[in-house]
Amino acid sequence: MKKYIYYPNFEPPENEWLKFSILYLDKFESIIPYNRQHLISNDYRKLQNETDLVDFFSPEYYQGEQASLKAISEAERIIKRTYESSFLFNRVNIFRDWKNPNTWDYQIYGEKFSNSWVEFCEGEKIGRRNADGIVLPRSLAFLYMTHLAKAIAFERNGSIITDNLQLQLYVQ
């Protein structure tokens, strides 16, 4: 049975995608820290409890550290060569977008990353620490979550899967 690691959200926001995944995938796991599983919808929890189609995976610290280091390296490359990389996010200047606090609308919980990621984002002024973790622009959060999902999938001999079509060029 092929394993899929779903990201970037705790659960698919669209029922259509969830129906597709249930029909065509053997099983997928959402990246949900143990301390955040109370945030899951009742329907999604019921699906997890009553079937073997969906499961939750709580990342370990070292997986967050691996993802943090890879995401920092990737973000640094994008910042240095922003015009060459911005097309991956369907933007003209992705770094300018990242630096705009009005775009910081995506929460990544602290159990998913290491302190080096927060320090990098705050140092570059592309994110803000809060009580739950860090708030970032959606595209930067997606970059990070891609690396976290890849680290988990590699270790679990699986593949990553997302419902975020806007950033599909980045994943490839």
N, C-alpha and C. Protein backbone atom coordinates (compact mmCIF):
# COMPACT_ATOMS: atom_id res chain seq x y z
N MET A 1 0.84 -1.18 0.00
CA MET A 1 0.00 0.00 0.00
C MET A 1 0.89 1.24 0.00
N LYS A 2 0.67 2.11 -0.96
CA LYS A 2 1.45 3.34 -1.08
C LYS A 2 0.95 4.36 -0.05
N LYS A 3 1.90 4.98 0.65
CA LYS A 3 1.56 6.00 1.64
C LYS A 3 1.69 7.38 1.01
N TYR A 4 0.77 8.24 1.35
CA TYR A 4 0.81 9.63 0.91
C TYR A 4 0.78 10.52 2.13
N ILE A 5 1.60 11.54 2.11
CA ILE A 5 1.61 12.55 3.16
C ILE A 5 0.92 13.78 2.59
N TYR A 6 -0.21 14.13 3.18
CA TYR A 6 -0.99 15.28 2.73
C TYR A 6 -0.50 16.55 3.42
N TYR A 7 -0.42 17.62 2.66
CA TYR A 7 -0.04 18.92 3.20
C TYR A 7 -0.60 20.00 2.30
N PRO A 8 -0.66 21.26 2.63
CA PRO A 8 -0.07 21.93 3.78
C PRO A 8 -1.00 22.04 4.98
N ASN A 9 -2.31 21.80 4.80
CA ASN A 9 -3.27 21.99 5.89
C ASN A 9 -3.41 20.73 6.72
N PHE A 10 -4.08 20.85 7.86
CA PHE A 10 -4.36 19.68 8.68
C PHE A 10 -5.29 18.72 7.94
N GLU A 11 -6.26 19.29 7.25
CA GLU A 11 -7.23 18.48 6.51
C GLU A 11 -7.60 19.21 5.23
N PRO A 12 -7.99 18.47 4.21
CA PRO A 12 -8.38 19.13 2.96
C PRO A 12 -9.56 20.06 3.18
N PRO A 13 -9.45 21.31 2.72
CA PRO A 13 -10.55 22.26 2.93
C PRO A 13 -11.74 22.02 2.01
N GLU A 14 -11.54 21.29 0.95
CA GLU A 14 -12.60 21.05 -0.02
C GLU A 14 -13.07 19.60 0.04
N ASN A 15 -14.36 19.40 0.15
CA ASN A 15 -14.90 18.04 0.19
C ASN A 15 -14.66 17.30 -1.11
N GLU A 16 -14.63 18.02 -2.23
CA GLU A 16 -14.40 17.36 -3.52
C GLU A 16 -13.03 16.69 -3.55
N TRP A 17 -12.01 17.37 -3.06
CA TRP A 17 -10.67 16.79 -3.05
C TRP A 17 -10.65 15.59 -2.10
N LEU A 18 -11.31 15.71 -0.98
CA LEU A 18 -11.35 14.61 -0.02
C LEU A 18 -12.04 13.39 -0.64
N LYS A 19 -13.13 13.60 -1.35
CA LYS A 19 -13.82 12.50 -2.02
C LYS A 19 -12.92 11.84 -3.05
N PHE A 20 -12.22 12.66 -3.84
CA PHE A 20 -11.27 12.13 -4.82
C PHE A 20 -10.22 11.26 -4.13
N SER A 21 -9.65 11.78 -3.06
CA SER A 21 -8.56 11.06 -2.40
C SER A 21 -9.05 9.74 -1.81
N ILE A 22 -10.24 9.73 -1.27
CA ILE A 22 -10.79 8.50 -0.71
C ILE A 22 -11.01 7.46 -1.80
N LEU A 23 -11.44 7.92 -2.97
CA LEU A 23 -11.69 6.99 -4.07
C LEU A 23 -10.42 6.45 -4.72
N TYR A 24 -9.40 7.30 -4.86
CA TYR A 24 -8.26 6.93 -5.69
C TYR A 24 -6.96 6.65 -4.94
N LEU A 25 -6.89 7.01 -3.68
CA LEU A 25 -5.67 6.75 -2.91
C LEU A 25 -5.93 5.64 -1.91
N ASP A 26 -4.92 4.83 -1.68
CA ASP A 26 -5.07 3.77 -0.68
C ASP A 26 -5.28 4.37 0.70
N LYS A 27 -4.45 5.36 1.01
CA LYS A 27 -4.48 5.97 2.33
C LYS A 27 -3.63 7.23 2.28
N PHE A 28 -3.98 8.22 3.09
CA PHE A 28 -3.08 9.35 3.24
C PHE A 28 -3.07 9.81 4.69
N GLU A 29 -1.95 10.43 5.05
CA GLU A 29 -1.77 10.91 6.41
C GLU A 29 -1.62 12.42 6.39
N SER A 30 -2.29 13.08 7.29
CA SER A 30 -2.16 14.52 7.46
C SER A 30 -1.13 14.80 8.54
N ILE A 31 -0.36 15.86 8.35
CA ILE A 31 0.66 16.24 9.33
C ILE A 31 -0.02 17.09 10.40
N ILE A 32 -0.29 16.47 11.54
CA ILE A 32 -1.01 17.14 12.62
C ILE A 32 -0.30 16.82 13.94
N PRO A 33 0.34 17.81 14.55
CA PRO A 33 0.97 17.55 15.85
C PRO A 33 -0.07 17.07 16.87
N TYR A 34 0.36 16.21 17.77
CA TYR A 34 -0.56 15.67 18.79
C TYR A 34 -1.30 16.78 19.52
N ASN A 35 -0.58 17.83 19.88
CA ASN A 35 -1.18 18.92 20.65
C ASN A 35 -2.17 19.76 19.85
N ARG A 36 -2.31 19.51 18.56
CA ARG A 36 -3.22 20.29 17.71
C ARG A 36 -4.36 19.46 17.15
N GLN A 37 -4.44 18.20 17.53
CA GLN A 37 -5.47 17.34 16.96
C GLN A 37 -6.88 17.73 17.38
N HIS A 38 -7.00 18.54 18.41
CA HIS A 38 -8.32 19.05 18.81
C HIS A 38 -8.86 20.06 17.79
N LEU A 39 -8.02 20.53 16.88
CA LEU A 39 -8.44 21.51 15.88
C LEU A 39 -9.09 20.87 14.65
N ILE A 40 -9.10 19.56 14.60
CA ILE A 40 -9.66 18.83 13.45
C ILE A 40 -11.18 18.85 13.50
N SER A 41 -11.79 18.94 12.33
CA SER A 41 -13.26 18.93 12.27
C SER A 41 -13.80 17.57 12.71
N ASN A 42 -15.02 17.55 13.17
CA ASN A 42 -15.65 16.31 13.60
C ASN A 42 -15.75 15.30 12.46
N ASP A 43 -16.07 15.79 11.26
CA ASP A 43 -16.20 14.89 10.11
C ASP A 43 -14.87 14.23 9.76
N TYR A 44 -13.81 15.01 9.79
CA TYR A 44 -12.49 14.46 9.46
C TYR A 44 -12.03 13.47 10.54
N ARG A 45 -12.29 13.80 11.78
CA ARG A 45 -11.93 12.89 12.88
C ARG A 45 -12.73 11.59 12.76
N LYS A 46 -13.99 11.70 12.40
CA LYS A 46 -14.83 10.51 12.23
C LYS A 46 -14.27 9.63 11.11
N LEU A 47 -13.86 10.25 10.02
CA LEU A 47 -13.26 9.51 8.91
C LEU A 47 -11.99 8.79 9.37
N GLN A 48 -11.20 9.45 10.17
CA GLN A 48 -9.97 8.85 10.69
C GLN A 48 -10.28 7.71 11.66
N ASN A 49 -11.26 7.89 12.51
CA ASN A 49 -11.59 6.89 13.52
C ASN A 49 -12.30 5.66 12.95
N GLU A 50 -13.10 5.86 11.91
CA GLU A 50 -13.96 4.78 11.44
C GLU A 50 -13.49 4.10 10.15
N THR A 51 -12.41 4.59 9.57
CA THR A 51 -11.89 3.97 8.35
C THR A 51 -10.38 3.84 8.46
N ASP A 52 -9.79 3.18 7.49
CA ASP A 52 -8.33 3.13 7.42
C ASP A 52 -7.82 3.96 6.24
N LEU A 53 -8.63 4.92 5.80
CA LEU A 53 -8.28 5.75 4.65
C LEU A 53 -7.45 6.97 5.02
N VAL A 54 -7.64 7.46 6.23
CA VAL A 54 -7.00 8.69 6.69
C VAL A 54 -6.36 8.43 8.04
N ASP A 55 -5.18 9.00 8.22
CA ASP A 55 -4.54 8.92 9.53
C ASP A 55 -3.83 10.23 9.80
N PHE A 56 -3.45 10.44 11.04
CA PHE A 56 -2.74 11.65 11.44
C PHE A 56 -1.29 11.28 11.74
N PHE A 57 -0.39 12.16 11.37
CA PHE A 57 1.03 11.95 11.66
C PHE A 57 1.55 13.17 12.41
N SER A 58 2.11 12.92 13.59
CA SER A 58 2.68 14.00 14.38
C SER A 58 4.19 14.03 14.13
N PRO A 59 4.70 15.14 13.58
CA PRO A 59 6.13 15.17 13.23
C PRO A 59 7.03 15.17 14.47
N GLU A 60 8.18 14.57 14.30
CA GLU A 60 9.22 14.57 15.33
C GLU A 60 10.06 15.84 15.18
N TYR A 61 10.75 16.20 16.25
CA TYR A 61 11.57 17.42 16.22
C TYR A 61 12.61 17.36 15.09
N TYR A 62 13.29 16.23 14.95
CA TYR A 62 14.36 16.15 13.95
C TYR A 62 13.81 16.32 12.53
N GLN A 63 12.57 15.92 12.28
CA GLN A 63 11.97 16.13 10.96
C GLN A 63 11.74 17.62 10.72
N GLY A 64 11.30 18.32 11.75
CA GLY A 64 11.14 19.77 11.65
C GLY A 64 12.47 20.47 11.46
N GLU A 65 13.51 19.96 12.10
CA GLU A 65 14.85 20.53 11.94
C GLU A 65 15.36 20.32 10.51
N GLN A 66 15.19 19.11 9.99
CA GLN A 66 15.60 18.83 8.60
C GLN A 66 14.87 19.75 7.64
N ALA A 67 13.57 19.85 7.81
CA ALA A 67 12.76 20.70 6.93
C ALA A 67 13.16 22.16 7.08
N SER A 68 13.44 22.59 8.29
CA SER A 68 13.84 23.99 8.53
C SER A 68 15.11 24.32 7.77
N LEU A 69 16.10 23.45 7.87
CA LEU A 69 17.38 23.71 7.19
C LEU A 69 17.21 23.73 5.67
N LYS A 70 16.43 22.81 5.14
CA LYS A 70 16.21 22.79 3.69
C LYS A 70 15.39 23.99 3.23
N ALA A 71 14.39 24.36 4.02
CA ALA A 71 13.56 25.51 3.65
C ALA A 71 14.37 26.81 3.72
N ILE A 72 15.24 26.92 4.70
CA ILE A 72 16.10 28.11 4.80
C ILE A 72 16.98 28.20 3.56
N SER A 73 17.60 27.10 3.20
CA SER A 73 18.47 27.09 2.02
C SER A 73 17.70 27.48 0.76
N GLU A 74 16.52 26.92 0.61
CA GLU A 74 15.69 27.22 -0.57
C GLU A 74 15.23 28.68 -0.56
N ALA A 75 14.79 29.16 0.59
CA ALA A 75 14.33 30.55 0.68
C ALA A 75 15.48 31.52 0.41
N GLU A 76 16.67 31.21 0.91
CA GLU A 76 17.83 32.07 0.63
C GLU A 76 18.11 32.13 -0.87
N ARG A 77 18.02 30.99 -1.53
CA ARG A 77 18.24 30.95 -2.98
C ARG A 77 17.20 31.80 -3.70
N ILE A 78 15.96 31.70 -3.28
CA ILE A 78 14.88 32.47 -3.91
C ILE A 78 15.07 33.97 -3.65
N ILE A 79 15.47 34.32 -2.44
CA ILE A 79 15.68 35.73 -2.11
C ILE A 79 16.81 36.32 -2.95
N LYS A 80 17.89 35.56 -3.12
CA LYS A 80 19.03 36.04 -3.90
C LYS A 80 18.70 36.17 -5.39
N ARG A 81 17.84 35.31 -5.88
CA ARG A 81 17.51 35.28 -7.31
C ARG A 81 15.99 35.34 -7.48
N THR A 82 15.41 36.34 -6.85
CA THR A 82 13.95 36.40 -6.76
C THR A 82 13.25 36.45 -8.11
N TYR A 83 13.80 37.17 -9.07
CA TYR A 83 13.12 37.28 -10.36
C TYR A 83 13.18 35.98 -11.15
N GLU A 84 14.22 35.19 -10.93
CA GLU A 84 14.33 33.91 -11.61
C GLU A 84 13.43 32.85 -10.98
N SER A 85 13.08 33.03 -9.73
CA SER A 85 12.32 32.01 -9.00
C SER A 85 10.85 32.37 -8.81
N SER A 86 10.50 33.62 -8.97
CA SER A 86 9.14 34.06 -8.65
C SER A 86 8.08 33.37 -9.49
N PHE A 87 8.43 32.97 -10.71
CA PHE A 87 7.44 32.30 -11.56
C PHE A 87 6.92 31.01 -10.93
N LEU A 88 7.74 30.38 -10.08
CA LEU A 88 7.32 29.15 -9.41
C LEU A 88 6.09 29.38 -8.53
N PHE A 89 5.91 30.63 -8.12
CA PHE A 89 4.80 31.00 -7.25
C PHE A 89 3.77 31.86 -7.99
N ASN A 90 3.91 31.93 -9.30
CA ASN A 90 3.01 32.75 -10.13
C ASN A 90 3.03 34.22 -9.70
N ARG A 91 4.20 34.72 -9.38
CA ARG A 91 4.38 36.10 -8.94
C ARG A 91 5.52 36.74 -9.72
N VAL A 92 5.55 38.06 -9.74
CA VAL A 92 6.64 38.78 -10.40
C VAL A 92 7.83 38.92 -9.45
N ASN A 93 7.55 39.28 -8.20
CA ASN A 93 8.60 39.47 -7.20
C ASN A 93 8.13 38.85 -5.88
N ILE A 94 8.41 37.58 -5.71
CA ILE A 94 7.92 36.85 -4.55
C ILE A 94 8.52 37.38 -3.25
N PHE A 95 9.76 37.82 -3.28
CA PHE A 95 10.38 38.33 -2.06
C PHE A 95 9.67 39.59 -1.56
N ARG A 96 9.30 40.45 -2.47
CA ARG A 96 8.54 41.65 -2.09
C ARG A 96 7.22 41.24 -1.44
N ASP A 97 6.57 40.24 -2.00
CA ASP A 97 5.32 39.73 -1.41
C ASP A 97 5.56 39.17 -0.01
N TRP A 98 6.64 38.41 0.14
CA TRP A 98 6.95 37.82 1.44
C TRP A 98 7.19 38.88 2.51
N LYS A 99 7.80 40.00 2.11
CA LYS A 99 8.13 41.05 3.08
C LYS A 99 6.92 41.90 3.47
N ASN A 100 5.83 41.75 2.79
CA ASN A 100 4.63 42.54 3.07
C ASN A 100 3.83 41.89 4.21
N PRO A 101 3.81 42.50 5.40
CA PRO A 101 3.09 41.91 6.54
C PRO A 101 1.60 41.67 6.27
N ASN A 102 1.04 42.39 5.31
CA ASN A 102 -0.37 42.17 4.98
C ASN A 102 -0.62 40.80 4.34
N THR A 103 0.45 40.15 3.89
CA THR A 103 0.30 38.81 3.29
C THR A 103 0.59 37.70 4.29
N TRP A 104 0.92 38.04 5.51
CA TRP A 104 1.25 37.04 6.52
C TRP A 104 -0.04 36.50 7.13
N ASP A 105 -0.61 35.51 6.48
CA ASP A 105 -1.92 35.01 6.89
C ASP A 105 -1.97 33.50 7.09
N TYR A 106 -0.82 32.86 7.15
CA TYR A 106 -0.81 31.41 7.28
C TYR A 106 -0.05 31.01 8.54
N GLN A 107 -0.70 30.27 9.40
CA GLN A 107 -0.11 29.82 10.67
C GLN A 107 0.56 28.46 10.49
N ILE A 108 1.83 28.37 10.89
CA ILE A 108 2.48 27.06 11.04
C ILE A 108 2.74 26.89 12.53
N TYR A 109 2.29 25.79 13.07
CA TYR A 109 2.41 25.55 14.50
C TYR A 109 3.83 25.16 14.87
N GLY A 110 4.24 25.57 16.06
CA GLY A 110 5.62 25.42 16.52
C GLY A 110 6.12 23.99 16.57
N GLU A 111 5.24 23.02 16.66
CA GLU A 111 5.66 21.62 16.70
C GLU A 111 6.16 21.13 15.35
N LYS A 112 6.02 21.94 14.32
CA LYS A 112 6.39 21.50 12.97
C LYS A 112 7.75 22.01 12.50
N PHE A 113 8.41 22.88 13.24
CA PHE A 113 9.67 23.45 12.77
C PHE A 113 10.62 23.68 13.93
N SER A 114 11.87 24.00 13.58
CA SER A 114 12.86 24.30 14.61
C SER A 114 12.99 25.82 14.75
N ASN A 115 13.66 26.21 15.80
CA ASN A 115 13.85 27.64 16.07
C ASN A 115 14.64 28.34 14.96
N SER A 116 15.49 27.60 14.26
CA SER A 116 16.27 28.22 13.19
C SER A 116 15.36 28.78 12.09
N TRP A 117 14.23 28.14 11.83
CA TRP A 117 13.29 28.64 10.82
C TRP A 117 12.68 29.97 11.26
N VAL A 118 12.28 30.06 12.51
CA VAL A 118 11.71 31.32 13.03
C VAL A 118 12.75 32.43 12.98
N GLU A 119 13.95 32.12 13.43
CA GLU A 119 15.01 33.13 13.43
C GLU A 119 15.31 33.62 12.02
N PHE A 120 15.35 32.70 11.07
CA PHE A 120 15.58 33.09 9.68
C PHE A 120 14.47 34.00 9.18
N CYS A 121 13.23 33.59 9.38
CA CYS A 121 12.09 34.37 8.87
C CYS A 121 12.03 35.75 9.52
N GLU A 122 12.25 35.82 10.82
CA GLU A 122 12.24 37.12 11.49
C GLU A 122 13.43 37.97 11.05
N GLY A 123 14.57 37.34 10.86
CA GLY A 123 15.76 38.07 10.40
C GLY A 123 15.58 38.67 9.02
N GLU A 124 14.89 37.96 8.15
CA GLU A 124 14.63 38.45 6.79
C GLU A 124 13.37 39.31 6.72
N LYS A 125 12.67 39.41 7.85
CA LYS A 125 11.41 40.16 7.94
C LYS A 125 10.36 39.63 6.95
N ILE A 126 10.22 38.28 6.99
CA ILE A 126 9.25 37.62 6.12
C ILE A 126 8.27 36.77 6.92
N GLY A 127 8.25 36.95 8.22
CA GLY A 127 7.33 36.22 9.08
C GLY A 127 7.42 36.74 10.49
N ARG A 128 6.45 36.33 11.32
CA ARG A 128 6.39 36.82 12.70
C ARG A 128 6.05 35.66 13.64
N ARG A 129 6.85 35.55 14.68
CA ARG A 129 6.60 34.56 15.72
C ARG A 129 5.33 34.95 16.49
N ASN A 130 4.55 33.96 16.88
CA ASN A 130 3.41 34.20 17.76
C ASN A 130 3.34 33.07 18.78
N ALA A 131 2.35 33.09 19.63
CA ALA A 131 2.25 32.11 20.71
C ALA A 131 2.13 30.68 20.19
N ASP A 132 1.57 30.50 19.00
CA ASP A 132 1.37 29.15 18.46
C ASP A 132 2.47 28.68 17.53
N GLY A 133 3.35 29.57 17.10
CA GLY A 133 4.41 29.20 16.16
C GLY A 133 4.86 30.40 15.36
N ILE A 134 4.50 30.40 14.08
CA ILE A 134 4.90 31.50 13.20
C ILE A 134 3.80 31.76 12.17
N VAL A 135 3.63 33.03 11.84
CA VAL A 135 2.69 33.45 10.80
C VAL A 135 3.52 33.92 9.61
N LEU A 136 3.18 33.40 8.44
CA LEU A 136 3.95 33.64 7.22
C LEU A 136 3.02 33.91 6.04
N PRO A 137 3.59 34.41 4.94
CA PRO A 137 2.82 34.42 3.70
C PRO A 137 2.51 32.97 3.29
N ARG A 138 1.38 32.78 2.69
CA ARG A 138 0.95 31.43 2.30
C ARG A 138 1.99 30.72 1.43
N SER A 139 2.58 31.43 0.48
CA SER A 139 3.54 30.78 -0.42
C SER A 139 4.81 30.35 0.32
N LEU A 140 5.26 31.13 1.28
CA LEU A 140 6.43 30.76 2.06
C LEU A 140 6.10 29.59 2.99
N ALA A 141 4.92 29.61 3.56
CA ALA A 141 4.48 28.49 4.39
C ALA A 141 4.41 27.21 3.55
N PHE A 142 3.94 27.34 2.33
CA PHE A 142 3.86 26.19 1.43
C PHE A 142 5.26 25.66 1.12
N LEU A 143 6.20 26.56 0.91
CA LEU A 143 7.59 26.15 0.68
C LEU A 143 8.07 25.32 1.87
N TYR A 144 7.86 25.85 3.07
CA TYR A 144 8.29 25.12 4.26
C TYR A 144 7.59 23.77 4.38
N MET A 145 6.28 23.78 4.25
CA MET A 145 5.51 22.55 4.43
C MET A 145 5.86 21.50 3.37
N THR A 146 6.26 21.94 2.19
CA THR A 146 6.71 20.99 1.17
C THR A 146 7.94 20.24 1.67
N HIS A 147 8.87 20.97 2.27
CA HIS A 147 10.08 20.31 2.79
C HIS A 147 9.77 19.40 3.97
N LEU A 148 8.85 19.81 4.82
CA LEU A 148 8.47 18.95 5.94
C LEU A 148 7.80 17.67 5.42
N ALA A 149 6.87 17.82 4.49
CA ALA A 149 6.18 16.66 3.93
C ALA A 149 7.17 15.72 3.23
N LYS A 150 8.13 16.29 2.50
CA LYS A 150 9.13 15.46 1.83
C LYS A 150 10.00 14.70 2.83
N ALA A 151 10.39 15.35 3.91
CA ALA A 151 11.21 14.68 4.93
C ALA A 151 10.45 13.51 5.54
N ILE A 152 9.18 13.72 5.84
CA ILE A 152 8.36 12.66 6.43
C ILE A 152 8.12 11.54 5.41
N ALA A 153 7.78 11.91 4.19
CA ALA A 153 7.50 10.91 3.16
C ALA A 153 8.73 10.06 2.86
N PHE A 154 9.90 10.68 2.80
CA PHE A 154 11.13 9.92 2.54
C PHE A 154 11.34 8.87 3.61
N GLU A 155 11.20 9.28 4.84
CA GLU A 155 11.42 8.38 5.96
C GLU A 155 10.38 7.25 6.00
N ARG A 156 9.18 7.55 5.57
CA ARG A 156 8.08 6.57 5.64
C ARG A 156 7.87 5.85 4.30
N ASN A 157 8.80 6.06 3.37
CA ASN A 157 8.74 5.43 2.05
C ASN A 157 7.41 5.75 1.36
N GLY A 158 7.07 7.02 1.35
CA GLY A 158 5.82 7.46 0.74
C GLY A 158 6.04 8.59 -0.23
N SER A 159 4.95 9.23 -0.59
CA SER A 159 4.97 10.37 -1.50
C SER A 159 4.17 11.50 -0.89
N ILE A 160 4.42 12.70 -1.39
CA ILE A 160 3.66 13.85 -0.91
C ILE A 160 2.49 14.11 -1.84
N ILE A 161 1.44 14.69 -1.26
CA ILE A 161 0.27 15.05 -2.06
C ILE A 161 -0.35 16.31 -1.45
N THR A 162 -0.80 17.19 -2.34
CA THR A 162 -1.42 18.43 -1.89
C THR A 162 -2.63 18.75 -2.74
N ASP A 163 -3.48 19.57 -2.20
CA ASP A 163 -4.64 20.05 -2.94
C ASP A 163 -4.45 21.50 -3.38
N ASN A 164 -3.24 22.03 -3.19
CA ASN A 164 -2.95 23.42 -3.50
C ASN A 164 -2.45 23.55 -4.94
N LEU A 165 -3.35 23.81 -5.86
CA LEU A 165 -2.99 23.89 -7.27
C LEU A 165 -2.30 25.20 -7.62
N GLN A 166 -2.49 26.24 -6.82
CA GLN A 166 -1.87 27.54 -7.10
C GLN A 166 -0.35 27.46 -7.07
N LEU A 167 0.18 26.58 -6.26
CA LEU A 167 1.63 26.49 -6.11
C LEU A 167 2.20 25.20 -6.69
N GLN A 168 1.50 24.64 -7.62
CA GLN A 168 1.88 23.36 -8.20
C GLN A 168 3.25 23.41 -8.89
N LEU A 169 3.61 24.53 -9.48
CA LEU A 169 4.91 24.64 -10.14
C LEU A 169 6.05 24.47 -9.14
N TYR A 170 5.85 24.96 -7.92
CA TYR A 170 6.92 24.84 -6.92
C TYR A 170 7.18 23.39 -6.55
N VAL A 171 6.15 22.59 -6.43
CA VAL A 171 6.29 21.19 -6.00
C VAL A 171 7.08 20.38 -7.02
N GLN A 172 6.89 20.66 -8.28
CA GLN A 172 7.55 19.88 -9.32
C GLN A 172 9.00 20.16 -9.29
